[in-house]
Amino acid sequence: MGDVHELMLAMDLPGDLSDAELAELRWQVGLGPRPEHITRDTIVVTEVVDAMREGGEEPVPAEGGDWVIQRYPGPAWESGAPRAASRVPGSCVSSLVHEDAPHGKRWALTCRWEIHPDGYPEVDAFFRSLAALHRDGGAFFGYLRWYEDPEPDAWLRVEDRKVVAHHKGARVALPWEWTVEGGP
């Protein structure tokens, strides 16, 4: 558990999100079931068949001699229901609220989670979907904090249709980008 980060984000999303966008957002934050439009991924496992079996998934032969596993992707967060955090003070929770106010409709999203490197691919996919839903000028606030640090490691914002991290005024790699971009 030593690699746990606290992820906090709060953002306003347009009030006119489609039913499919809302279903996927609810699923990603643990507030709804997997939508029907989320299909199985096919993973080629030719040289790592034994490693894949440990997850309980049985590879099957595919055309061309490859072995593959087909599975549904997971959400960024399994359950949005409030629960006590295990490493950071307070609780972990997801909340998505619709407001139909005189100044306009919006969806207000707030999430506070503990994330572990095992969940980085799902959080990365979630961030990509959030950036796609974000509209210019929409409110967005977020940070990442290693569970033992008193201050955030990085502040999050949306730039050029991508969720990015900043530390002390400079753009830094998100934890799941470290292997690609060389670390913090």
N, C-alpha and C. Protein backbone atom coordinates (compact mmCIF):
# COMPACT_ATOMS: atom_id res chain seq x y z
N MET A 1 0.81 -1.20 0.00
CA MET A 1 0.00 0.00 0.00
C MET A 1 0.85 1.26 0.00
N GLY A 2 2.18 1.17 0.02
CA GLY A 2 3.04 2.32 0.11
C GLY A 2 2.99 3.25 -1.09
N ASP A 3 2.38 2.83 -2.19
CA ASP A 3 2.30 3.67 -3.38
C ASP A 3 0.97 4.39 -3.52
N VAL A 4 0.20 4.46 -2.48
CA VAL A 4 -1.14 5.05 -2.52
C VAL A 4 -1.06 6.57 -2.65
N HIS A 5 -1.88 7.10 -3.53
CA HIS A 5 -2.06 8.54 -3.68
C HIS A 5 -3.51 8.90 -3.38
N GLU A 6 -3.70 10.06 -2.84
CA GLU A 6 -5.03 10.63 -2.72
C GLU A 6 -5.31 11.39 -4.01
N LEU A 7 -6.45 11.14 -4.60
CA LEU A 7 -6.89 11.86 -5.78
C LEU A 7 -8.15 12.62 -5.41
N MET A 8 -8.12 13.91 -5.60
CA MET A 8 -9.28 14.75 -5.32
C MET A 8 -9.59 15.53 -6.59
N LEU A 9 -10.84 15.52 -7.00
CA LEU A 9 -11.22 16.38 -8.11
C LEU A 9 -12.65 16.84 -7.95
N ALA A 10 -12.87 18.03 -8.44
CA ALA A 10 -14.20 18.64 -8.45
C ALA A 10 -14.32 19.39 -9.76
N MET A 11 -15.40 19.16 -10.45
CA MET A 11 -15.58 19.85 -11.72
C MET A 11 -17.05 19.98 -12.07
N ASP A 12 -17.32 20.98 -12.89
CA ASP A 12 -18.65 21.16 -13.45
C ASP A 12 -18.62 20.67 -14.88
N LEU A 13 -19.64 19.91 -15.22
CA LEU A 13 -19.80 19.39 -16.57
C LEU A 13 -21.08 19.95 -17.17
N PRO A 14 -21.16 20.02 -18.47
CA PRO A 14 -22.35 20.57 -19.10
C PRO A 14 -23.63 19.83 -18.69
N GLY A 15 -24.70 20.55 -18.60
CA GLY A 15 -25.98 19.97 -18.22
C GLY A 15 -26.62 19.15 -19.32
N ASP A 16 -26.07 19.22 -20.53
CA ASP A 16 -26.68 18.52 -21.67
C ASP A 16 -25.91 17.27 -22.07
N LEU A 17 -25.23 16.62 -21.14
CA LEU A 17 -24.53 15.38 -21.47
C LEU A 17 -25.53 14.34 -21.97
N SER A 18 -25.10 13.55 -22.93
CA SER A 18 -25.98 12.51 -23.47
C SER A 18 -26.17 11.39 -22.44
N ASP A 19 -27.17 10.57 -22.68
CA ASP A 19 -27.42 9.43 -21.79
C ASP A 19 -26.20 8.49 -21.76
N ALA A 20 -25.56 8.28 -22.91
CA ALA A 20 -24.39 7.40 -22.97
C ALA A 20 -23.23 8.01 -22.19
N GLU A 21 -23.01 9.32 -22.33
CA GLU A 21 -21.93 9.98 -21.58
C GLU A 21 -22.17 9.89 -20.08
N LEU A 22 -23.41 10.12 -19.66
CA LEU A 22 -23.74 10.04 -18.23
C LEU A 22 -23.60 8.62 -17.70
N ALA A 23 -24.03 7.65 -18.48
CA ALA A 23 -23.92 6.25 -18.05
C ALA A 23 -22.46 5.87 -17.86
N GLU A 24 -21.60 6.27 -18.80
CA GLU A 24 -20.18 5.94 -18.69
C GLU A 24 -19.54 6.69 -17.52
N LEU A 25 -19.90 7.94 -17.32
CA LEU A 25 -19.36 8.71 -16.19
C LEU A 25 -19.77 8.09 -14.87
N ARG A 26 -21.04 7.73 -14.74
CA ARG A 26 -21.50 7.08 -13.50
C ARG A 26 -20.75 5.78 -13.24
N TRP A 27 -20.56 4.99 -14.29
CA TRP A 27 -19.81 3.73 -14.16
C TRP A 27 -18.37 4.00 -13.74
N GLN A 28 -17.72 4.98 -14.40
CA GLN A 28 -16.31 5.27 -14.09
C GLN A 28 -16.09 5.66 -12.64
N VAL A 29 -17.06 6.36 -12.03
CA VAL A 29 -16.88 6.83 -10.65
C VAL A 29 -17.57 5.93 -9.63
N GLY A 30 -18.04 4.78 -10.06
CA GLY A 30 -18.61 3.81 -9.13
C GLY A 30 -20.04 4.09 -8.72
N LEU A 31 -20.78 4.83 -9.54
CA LEU A 31 -22.16 5.17 -9.20
C LEU A 31 -23.19 4.49 -10.09
N GLY A 32 -22.74 3.58 -10.95
CA GLY A 32 -23.68 2.89 -11.83
C GLY A 32 -23.03 1.67 -12.47
N PRO A 33 -23.86 0.85 -13.11
CA PRO A 33 -23.34 -0.37 -13.76
C PRO A 33 -22.58 -0.03 -15.05
N ARG A 34 -21.84 -1.02 -15.55
CA ARG A 34 -21.13 -0.85 -16.82
C ARG A 34 -22.16 -0.66 -17.93
N PRO A 35 -22.03 0.42 -18.70
CA PRO A 35 -22.97 0.63 -19.81
C PRO A 35 -22.78 -0.41 -20.91
N GLU A 36 -23.83 -0.67 -21.64
CA GLU A 36 -23.78 -1.67 -22.71
C GLU A 36 -22.80 -1.31 -23.81
N HIS A 37 -22.54 -0.01 -24.01
CA HIS A 37 -21.64 0.38 -25.10
C HIS A 37 -20.16 0.15 -24.75
N ILE A 38 -19.85 -0.21 -23.51
CA ILE A 38 -18.48 -0.55 -23.13
C ILE A 38 -18.28 -2.01 -23.50
N THR A 39 -17.44 -2.26 -24.48
CA THR A 39 -17.25 -3.61 -24.99
C THR A 39 -15.97 -4.23 -24.44
N ARG A 40 -15.84 -5.52 -24.66
CA ARG A 40 -14.66 -6.24 -24.18
C ARG A 40 -13.42 -5.84 -24.97
N ASP A 41 -12.30 -5.79 -24.24
CA ASP A 41 -11.00 -5.59 -24.87
C ASP A 41 -10.43 -6.96 -25.22
N THR A 42 -9.69 -7.02 -26.30
CA THR A 42 -8.98 -8.23 -26.67
C THR A 42 -7.50 -7.99 -26.41
N ILE A 43 -6.92 -8.83 -25.58
CA ILE A 43 -5.52 -8.69 -25.20
C ILE A 43 -4.76 -9.90 -25.73
N VAL A 44 -3.75 -9.65 -26.56
CA VAL A 44 -2.93 -10.73 -27.10
C VAL A 44 -1.93 -11.14 -26.03
N VAL A 45 -1.89 -12.43 -25.73
CA VAL A 45 -1.05 -12.92 -24.63
C VAL A 45 -0.13 -14.05 -25.07
N THR A 46 0.31 -14.02 -26.29
CA THR A 46 1.09 -15.11 -26.86
C THR A 46 2.22 -15.57 -25.95
N GLU A 47 3.01 -14.66 -25.38
CA GLU A 47 4.17 -15.05 -24.60
C GLU A 47 3.94 -14.99 -23.10
N VAL A 48 2.75 -14.61 -22.67
CA VAL A 48 2.51 -14.48 -21.23
C VAL A 48 1.24 -15.21 -20.80
N VAL A 49 0.95 -16.32 -21.45
CA VAL A 49 -0.27 -17.06 -21.17
C VAL A 49 -0.37 -17.44 -19.69
N ASP A 50 0.70 -17.97 -19.12
CA ASP A 50 0.65 -18.39 -17.72
C ASP A 50 0.41 -17.21 -16.78
N ALA A 51 1.02 -16.07 -17.05
CA ALA A 51 0.83 -14.89 -16.20
C ALA A 51 -0.62 -14.42 -16.24
N MET A 52 -1.26 -14.51 -17.39
CA MET A 52 -2.63 -14.05 -17.51
C MET A 52 -3.60 -15.01 -16.81
N ARG A 53 -3.27 -16.30 -16.75
CA ARG A 53 -4.15 -17.27 -16.12
C ARG A 53 -4.31 -16.99 -14.62
N GLU A 54 -3.30 -16.36 -14.00
CA GLU A 54 -3.39 -16.12 -12.56
C GLU A 54 -4.54 -15.18 -12.21
N GLY A 55 -4.99 -14.38 -13.16
CA GLY A 55 -6.11 -13.49 -12.93
C GLY A 55 -7.45 -14.18 -13.11
N GLY A 56 -7.43 -15.49 -13.35
CA GLY A 56 -8.66 -16.24 -13.51
C GLY A 56 -9.23 -16.19 -14.91
N GLU A 57 -8.52 -15.56 -15.83
CA GLU A 57 -9.00 -15.47 -17.20
C GLU A 57 -8.28 -16.50 -18.04
N GLU A 58 -9.01 -17.25 -18.77
CA GLU A 58 -8.43 -18.33 -19.57
C GLU A 58 -8.21 -17.84 -21.00
N PRO A 59 -6.97 -17.83 -21.47
CA PRO A 59 -6.70 -17.44 -22.85
C PRO A 59 -7.35 -18.41 -23.83
N VAL A 60 -7.73 -17.88 -24.98
CA VAL A 60 -8.31 -18.70 -26.04
C VAL A 60 -7.52 -18.46 -27.32
N PRO A 61 -7.43 -19.48 -28.18
CA PRO A 61 -6.69 -19.28 -29.44
C PRO A 61 -7.46 -18.34 -30.37
N ALA A 62 -6.71 -17.53 -31.08
CA ALA A 62 -7.30 -16.61 -32.05
C ALA A 62 -6.72 -16.91 -33.43
N GLU A 63 -7.29 -16.28 -34.44
CA GLU A 63 -6.76 -16.44 -35.79
C GLU A 63 -5.31 -15.96 -35.81
N GLY A 64 -4.49 -16.63 -36.59
CA GLY A 64 -3.09 -16.24 -36.71
C GLY A 64 -2.18 -16.88 -35.69
N GLY A 65 -2.73 -17.74 -34.82
CA GLY A 65 -1.90 -18.45 -33.86
C GLY A 65 -1.70 -17.75 -32.52
N ASP A 66 -2.19 -16.53 -32.37
CA ASP A 66 -2.07 -15.83 -31.10
C ASP A 66 -3.06 -16.39 -30.09
N TRP A 67 -2.71 -16.22 -28.81
CA TRP A 67 -3.64 -16.49 -27.72
C TRP A 67 -4.13 -15.15 -27.22
N VAL A 68 -5.42 -15.07 -26.91
CA VAL A 68 -5.98 -13.79 -26.47
C VAL A 68 -6.87 -14.01 -25.24
N ILE A 69 -7.04 -12.94 -24.51
CA ILE A 69 -8.02 -12.88 -23.43
C ILE A 69 -8.96 -11.73 -23.78
N GLN A 70 -10.25 -11.99 -23.63
CA GLN A 70 -11.23 -10.94 -23.84
C GLN A 70 -11.86 -10.62 -22.50
N ARG A 71 -11.78 -9.34 -22.12
CA ARG A 71 -12.38 -8.93 -20.85
C ARG A 71 -12.85 -7.50 -20.97
N TYR A 72 -13.81 -7.18 -20.12
CA TYR A 72 -14.31 -5.83 -20.07
C TYR A 72 -13.33 -4.96 -19.30
N PRO A 73 -13.14 -3.72 -19.74
CA PRO A 73 -12.29 -2.82 -18.95
C PRO A 73 -12.97 -2.51 -17.62
N GLY A 74 -12.20 -2.15 -16.64
CA GLY A 74 -12.76 -1.79 -15.35
C GLY A 74 -12.97 -0.30 -15.24
N PRO A 75 -13.81 0.11 -14.31
CA PRO A 75 -14.01 1.54 -14.08
C PRO A 75 -12.82 2.12 -13.30
N ALA A 76 -12.74 3.43 -13.25
CA ALA A 76 -11.68 4.08 -12.47
C ALA A 76 -11.86 3.81 -10.99
N TRP A 77 -13.11 3.68 -10.55
CA TRP A 77 -13.40 3.49 -9.14
C TRP A 77 -14.56 2.51 -9.03
N GLU A 78 -14.39 1.48 -8.21
CA GLU A 78 -15.40 0.41 -8.12
C GLU A 78 -16.70 0.84 -7.46
N SER A 79 -16.61 1.59 -6.37
CA SER A 79 -17.82 1.99 -5.66
C SER A 79 -17.70 3.44 -5.23
N GLY A 80 -18.68 4.23 -5.62
CA GLY A 80 -18.69 5.64 -5.24
C GLY A 80 -19.32 5.87 -3.89
N ALA A 81 -19.82 4.80 -3.26
CA ALA A 81 -20.45 4.94 -1.95
C ALA A 81 -19.40 5.40 -0.93
N PRO A 82 -19.77 6.30 -0.04
CA PRO A 82 -18.80 6.78 0.95
C PRO A 82 -18.27 5.61 1.80
N ARG A 83 -16.97 5.64 2.03
CA ARG A 83 -16.35 4.67 2.91
C ARG A 83 -15.13 5.32 3.53
N ALA A 84 -14.71 4.81 4.66
CA ALA A 84 -13.52 5.34 5.32
C ALA A 84 -12.30 5.03 4.47
N ALA A 85 -11.45 6.02 4.30
CA ALA A 85 -10.21 5.81 3.57
C ALA A 85 -9.27 4.96 4.41
N SER A 86 -8.42 4.19 3.74
CA SER A 86 -7.52 3.31 4.50
C SER A 86 -6.20 3.98 4.85
N ARG A 87 -5.72 4.89 4.01
CA ARG A 87 -4.42 5.52 4.24
C ARG A 87 -4.47 7.02 4.46
N VAL A 88 -5.43 7.70 3.87
CA VAL A 88 -5.54 9.15 4.03
C VAL A 88 -6.66 9.45 5.01
N PRO A 89 -6.62 10.58 5.68
CA PRO A 89 -7.71 10.90 6.61
C PRO A 89 -9.02 11.12 5.86
N GLY A 90 -10.10 10.86 6.51
CA GLY A 90 -11.41 11.14 5.93
C GLY A 90 -11.98 9.97 5.17
N SER A 91 -12.82 10.30 4.19
CA SER A 91 -13.51 9.26 3.45
C SER A 91 -13.23 9.35 1.97
N CYS A 92 -13.47 8.24 1.29
CA CYS A 92 -13.42 8.17 -0.16
C CYS A 92 -14.88 8.17 -0.64
N VAL A 93 -15.14 8.92 -1.69
CA VAL A 93 -16.51 9.07 -2.14
C VAL A 93 -16.54 9.61 -3.57
N SER A 94 -17.61 9.32 -4.28
CA SER A 94 -17.91 9.94 -5.57
C SER A 94 -19.31 10.52 -5.48
N SER A 95 -19.48 11.70 -6.07
CA SER A 95 -20.79 12.33 -6.07
C SER A 95 -21.00 13.02 -7.41
N LEU A 96 -22.16 12.79 -8.00
CA LEU A 96 -22.54 13.41 -9.27
C LEU A 96 -23.95 13.96 -9.09
N VAL A 97 -24.08 15.27 -9.19
CA VAL A 97 -25.34 15.95 -8.90
C VAL A 97 -25.73 16.83 -10.09
N HIS A 98 -27.01 16.74 -10.47
CA HIS A 98 -27.52 17.59 -11.55
C HIS A 98 -28.16 18.83 -10.94
N GLU A 99 -27.86 19.97 -11.54
CA GLU A 99 -28.46 21.23 -11.08
C GLU A 99 -29.12 21.91 -12.26
N ASP A 100 -30.35 22.31 -12.06
CA ASP A 100 -31.09 23.04 -13.08
C ASP A 100 -31.38 24.41 -12.50
N ALA A 101 -30.36 25.25 -12.47
CA ALA A 101 -30.45 26.56 -11.84
C ALA A 101 -30.83 27.63 -12.86
N PRO A 102 -31.23 28.79 -12.39
CA PRO A 102 -31.59 29.87 -13.32
C PRO A 102 -30.46 30.27 -14.26
N HIS A 103 -29.21 30.11 -13.83
CA HIS A 103 -28.08 30.49 -14.68
C HIS A 103 -27.66 29.36 -15.63
N GLY A 104 -28.34 28.22 -15.57
CA GLY A 104 -28.04 27.13 -16.50
C GLY A 104 -27.99 25.77 -15.84
N LYS A 105 -28.02 24.76 -16.68
CA LYS A 105 -27.93 23.38 -16.20
C LYS A 105 -26.47 22.96 -16.13
N ARG A 106 -26.17 22.08 -15.17
CA ARG A 106 -24.83 21.53 -15.07
C ARG A 106 -24.87 20.23 -14.29
N TRP A 107 -23.82 19.45 -14.46
CA TRP A 107 -23.56 18.28 -13.64
C TRP A 107 -22.34 18.62 -12.79
N ALA A 108 -22.47 18.47 -11.49
CA ALA A 108 -21.37 18.74 -10.57
C ALA A 108 -20.80 17.39 -10.12
N LEU A 109 -19.50 17.19 -10.37
CA LEU A 109 -18.82 15.94 -10.04
C LEU A 109 -17.76 16.22 -8.99
N THR A 110 -17.77 15.43 -7.93
CA THR A 110 -16.72 15.50 -6.91
C THR A 110 -16.30 14.07 -6.58
N CYS A 111 -14.99 13.84 -6.57
CA CYS A 111 -14.45 12.53 -6.24
C CYS A 111 -13.25 12.70 -5.32
N ARG A 112 -13.17 11.85 -4.34
CA ARG A 112 -11.98 11.77 -3.49
C ARG A 112 -11.71 10.29 -3.29
N TRP A 113 -10.58 9.82 -3.81
CA TRP A 113 -10.26 8.41 -3.81
C TRP A 113 -8.83 8.19 -3.35
N GLU A 114 -8.56 6.97 -2.96
CA GLU A 114 -7.20 6.49 -2.80
C GLU A 114 -6.91 5.65 -4.04
N ILE A 115 -5.82 5.96 -4.72
CA ILE A 115 -5.48 5.18 -5.92
C ILE A 115 -4.12 4.53 -5.74
N HIS A 116 -3.99 3.36 -6.31
CA HIS A 116 -2.78 2.55 -6.24
C HIS A 116 -2.30 2.32 -7.67
N PRO A 117 -1.01 2.10 -7.88
CA PRO A 117 -0.52 1.87 -9.25
C PRO A 117 -1.28 0.79 -10.02
N ASP A 118 -1.83 -0.20 -9.34
CA ASP A 118 -2.61 -1.23 -10.03
C ASP A 118 -3.82 -0.62 -10.75
N GLY A 119 -4.31 0.51 -10.28
CA GLY A 119 -5.48 1.15 -10.89
C GLY A 119 -5.15 2.28 -11.84
N TYR A 120 -3.87 2.52 -12.10
CA TYR A 120 -3.49 3.64 -12.97
C TYR A 120 -4.08 3.57 -14.37
N PRO A 121 -4.13 2.41 -15.04
CA PRO A 121 -4.72 2.40 -16.39
C PRO A 121 -6.18 2.87 -16.39
N GLU A 122 -6.94 2.46 -15.38
CA GLU A 122 -8.34 2.86 -15.31
C GLU A 122 -8.47 4.36 -15.01
N VAL A 123 -7.62 4.88 -14.14
CA VAL A 123 -7.67 6.31 -13.82
C VAL A 123 -7.25 7.12 -15.05
N ASP A 124 -6.26 6.65 -15.79
CA ASP A 124 -5.85 7.32 -17.02
C ASP A 124 -7.01 7.38 -18.02
N ALA A 125 -7.71 6.27 -18.20
CA ALA A 125 -8.87 6.24 -19.11
C ALA A 125 -9.96 7.20 -18.62
N PHE A 126 -10.18 7.23 -17.31
CA PHE A 126 -11.16 8.14 -16.73
C PHE A 126 -10.76 9.59 -17.00
N PHE A 127 -9.49 9.94 -16.81
CA PHE A 127 -9.04 11.31 -17.07
C PHE A 127 -9.23 11.68 -18.53
N ARG A 128 -8.98 10.74 -19.45
CA ARG A 128 -9.20 11.04 -20.86
C ARG A 128 -10.67 11.31 -21.14
N SER A 129 -11.56 10.53 -20.51
CA SER A 129 -12.99 10.77 -20.73
C SER A 129 -13.44 12.08 -20.10
N LEU A 130 -12.90 12.43 -18.93
CA LEU A 130 -13.24 13.71 -18.31
C LEU A 130 -12.82 14.88 -19.19
N ALA A 131 -11.61 14.81 -19.72
CA ALA A 131 -11.13 15.89 -20.57
C ALA A 131 -12.00 16.05 -21.81
N ALA A 132 -12.49 14.93 -22.34
CA ALA A 132 -13.37 15.00 -23.50
C ALA A 132 -14.72 15.63 -23.17
N LEU A 133 -15.19 15.45 -21.94
CA LEU A 133 -16.47 16.02 -21.52
C LEU A 133 -16.35 17.48 -21.08
N HIS A 134 -15.16 17.89 -20.69
CA HIS A 134 -14.93 19.24 -20.18
C HIS A 134 -15.09 20.26 -21.31
N ARG A 135 -15.76 21.34 -21.00
CA ARG A 135 -15.93 22.40 -21.99
C ARG A 135 -15.08 23.59 -21.57
N ASP A 136 -14.60 24.33 -22.55
CA ASP A 136 -13.78 25.51 -22.25
C ASP A 136 -14.51 26.41 -21.27
N GLY A 137 -13.80 26.85 -20.26
CA GLY A 137 -14.38 27.73 -19.26
C GLY A 137 -15.07 27.00 -18.13
N GLY A 138 -15.23 25.68 -18.24
CA GLY A 138 -15.86 24.91 -17.18
C GLY A 138 -14.95 24.80 -15.97
N ALA A 139 -15.54 24.82 -14.80
CA ALA A 139 -14.76 24.75 -13.56
C ALA A 139 -14.14 23.37 -13.40
N PHE A 140 -12.88 23.34 -12.98
CA PHE A 140 -12.16 22.09 -12.73
C PHE A 140 -11.13 22.35 -11.65
N PHE A 141 -11.10 21.47 -10.65
CA PHE A 141 -10.11 21.56 -9.58
C PHE A 141 -9.70 20.14 -9.22
N GLY A 142 -8.43 19.93 -9.00
CA GLY A 142 -8.00 18.61 -8.59
C GLY A 142 -6.57 18.60 -8.11
N TYR A 143 -6.25 17.56 -7.38
CA TYR A 143 -4.87 17.37 -6.97
C TYR A 143 -4.60 15.90 -6.71
N LEU A 144 -3.30 15.56 -6.71
CA LEU A 144 -2.79 14.25 -6.32
C LEU A 144 -1.85 14.46 -5.15
N ARG A 145 -1.93 13.58 -4.18
CA ARG A 145 -1.08 13.69 -3.00
C ARG A 145 -0.67 12.30 -2.57
N TRP A 146 0.65 12.08 -2.41
CA TRP A 146 1.11 10.82 -1.85
C TRP A 146 0.59 10.75 -0.43
N TYR A 147 0.12 9.61 0.00
CA TYR A 147 -0.62 9.50 1.25
C TYR A 147 0.13 9.98 2.48
N GLU A 148 1.45 10.01 2.47
CA GLU A 148 2.20 10.46 3.64
C GLU A 148 2.59 11.94 3.59
N ASP A 149 2.39 12.59 2.45
CA ASP A 149 2.75 14.00 2.33
C ASP A 149 1.61 14.89 2.82
N PRO A 150 1.95 15.99 3.50
CA PRO A 150 0.90 16.89 3.98
C PRO A 150 0.35 17.81 2.89
N GLU A 151 1.08 17.96 1.79
CA GLU A 151 0.68 18.85 0.70
C GLU A 151 0.55 18.06 -0.60
N PRO A 152 -0.26 18.54 -1.53
CA PRO A 152 -0.37 17.86 -2.83
C PRO A 152 0.96 17.81 -3.57
N ASP A 153 1.16 16.69 -4.29
CA ASP A 153 2.32 16.53 -5.17
C ASP A 153 2.10 17.31 -6.46
N ALA A 154 0.86 17.36 -6.90
CA ALA A 154 0.55 18.00 -8.17
C ALA A 154 -0.89 18.51 -8.16
N TRP A 155 -1.05 19.65 -8.79
CA TRP A 155 -2.39 20.23 -8.99
C TRP A 155 -2.83 19.85 -10.39
N LEU A 156 -4.08 19.50 -10.54
CA LEU A 156 -4.61 19.02 -11.82
C LEU A 156 -5.45 20.10 -12.48
N ARG A 157 -5.35 20.14 -13.79
CA ARG A 157 -6.22 21.02 -14.57
C ARG A 157 -6.37 20.46 -15.97
N VAL A 158 -7.29 21.01 -16.72
CA VAL A 158 -7.51 20.58 -18.09
C VAL A 158 -6.85 21.60 -19.01
N GLU A 159 -5.96 21.10 -19.87
CA GLU A 159 -5.30 21.92 -20.89
C GLU A 159 -5.32 21.17 -22.21
N ASP A 160 -5.72 21.85 -23.24
CA ASP A 160 -5.74 21.24 -24.58
C ASP A 160 -6.45 19.89 -24.59
N ARG A 161 -7.60 19.83 -23.93
CA ARG A 161 -8.45 18.63 -23.89
C ARG A 161 -7.76 17.44 -23.24
N LYS A 162 -6.89 17.72 -22.24
CA LYS A 162 -6.19 16.67 -21.51
C LYS A 162 -6.05 17.10 -20.06
N VAL A 163 -6.25 16.16 -19.12
CA VAL A 163 -5.99 16.45 -17.72
C VAL A 163 -4.48 16.37 -17.52
N VAL A 164 -3.90 17.45 -17.00
CA VAL A 164 -2.46 17.52 -16.80
C VAL A 164 -2.18 17.91 -15.34
N ALA A 165 -0.93 17.67 -14.93
CA ALA A 165 -0.50 17.97 -13.57
C ALA A 165 0.55 19.07 -13.58
N HIS A 166 0.50 19.90 -12.54
CA HIS A 166 1.49 20.97 -12.36
C HIS A 166 2.01 20.92 -10.94
N HIS A 167 3.30 21.20 -10.79
CA HIS A 167 3.91 21.29 -9.48
C HIS A 167 4.85 22.50 -9.50
N LYS A 168 4.64 23.41 -8.56
CA LYS A 168 5.46 24.64 -8.46
C LYS A 168 5.51 25.37 -9.80
N GLY A 169 4.37 25.45 -10.46
CA GLY A 169 4.27 26.21 -11.70
C GLY A 169 4.72 25.49 -12.96
N ALA A 170 5.30 24.32 -12.84
CA ALA A 170 5.78 23.59 -14.01
C ALA A 170 4.92 22.34 -14.25
N ARG A 171 4.72 22.04 -15.50
CA ARG A 171 3.97 20.83 -15.84
C ARG A 171 4.82 19.61 -15.50
N VAL A 172 4.20 18.62 -14.86
CA VAL A 172 4.89 17.38 -14.48
C VAL A 172 4.07 16.20 -14.97
N ALA A 173 4.71 15.06 -15.06
CA ALA A 173 4.04 13.84 -15.49
C ALA A 173 3.13 13.32 -14.39
N LEU A 174 1.99 12.79 -14.78
CA LEU A 174 1.12 12.09 -13.85
C LEU A 174 1.78 10.76 -13.49
N PRO A 175 1.48 10.18 -12.33
CA PRO A 175 2.16 8.95 -11.93
C PRO A 175 2.13 7.84 -12.97
N TRP A 176 1.04 7.68 -13.70
CA TRP A 176 0.94 6.60 -14.69
C TRP A 176 1.72 6.95 -15.95
N GLU A 177 2.22 8.17 -16.08
CA GLU A 177 3.05 8.56 -17.22
C GLU A 177 4.54 8.43 -16.91
N TRP A 178 4.90 8.15 -15.65
CA TRP A 178 6.31 8.14 -15.26
C TRP A 178 7.14 7.17 -16.07
N THR A 179 6.59 6.02 -16.38
CA THR A 179 7.37 5.04 -17.15
C THR A 179 7.64 5.55 -18.56
N VAL A 180 6.74 6.38 -19.05
CA VAL A 180 6.90 6.92 -20.40
C VAL A 180 7.77 8.18 -20.39
N GLU A 181 7.53 9.05 -19.41
CA GLU A 181 8.20 10.36 -19.41
C GLU A 181 9.36 10.45 -18.43
N GLY A 182 9.68 9.38 -17.71
CA GLY A 182 10.88 9.38 -16.90
C GLY A 182 10.75 9.81 -15.45
N GLY A 183 9.58 9.87 -14.90
CA GLY A 183 9.44 10.15 -13.47
C GLY A 183 9.06 11.58 -13.18
N PRO A 184 8.86 11.88 -11.88
CA PRO A 184 8.38 13.21 -11.49
C PRO A 184 9.44 14.28 -11.64
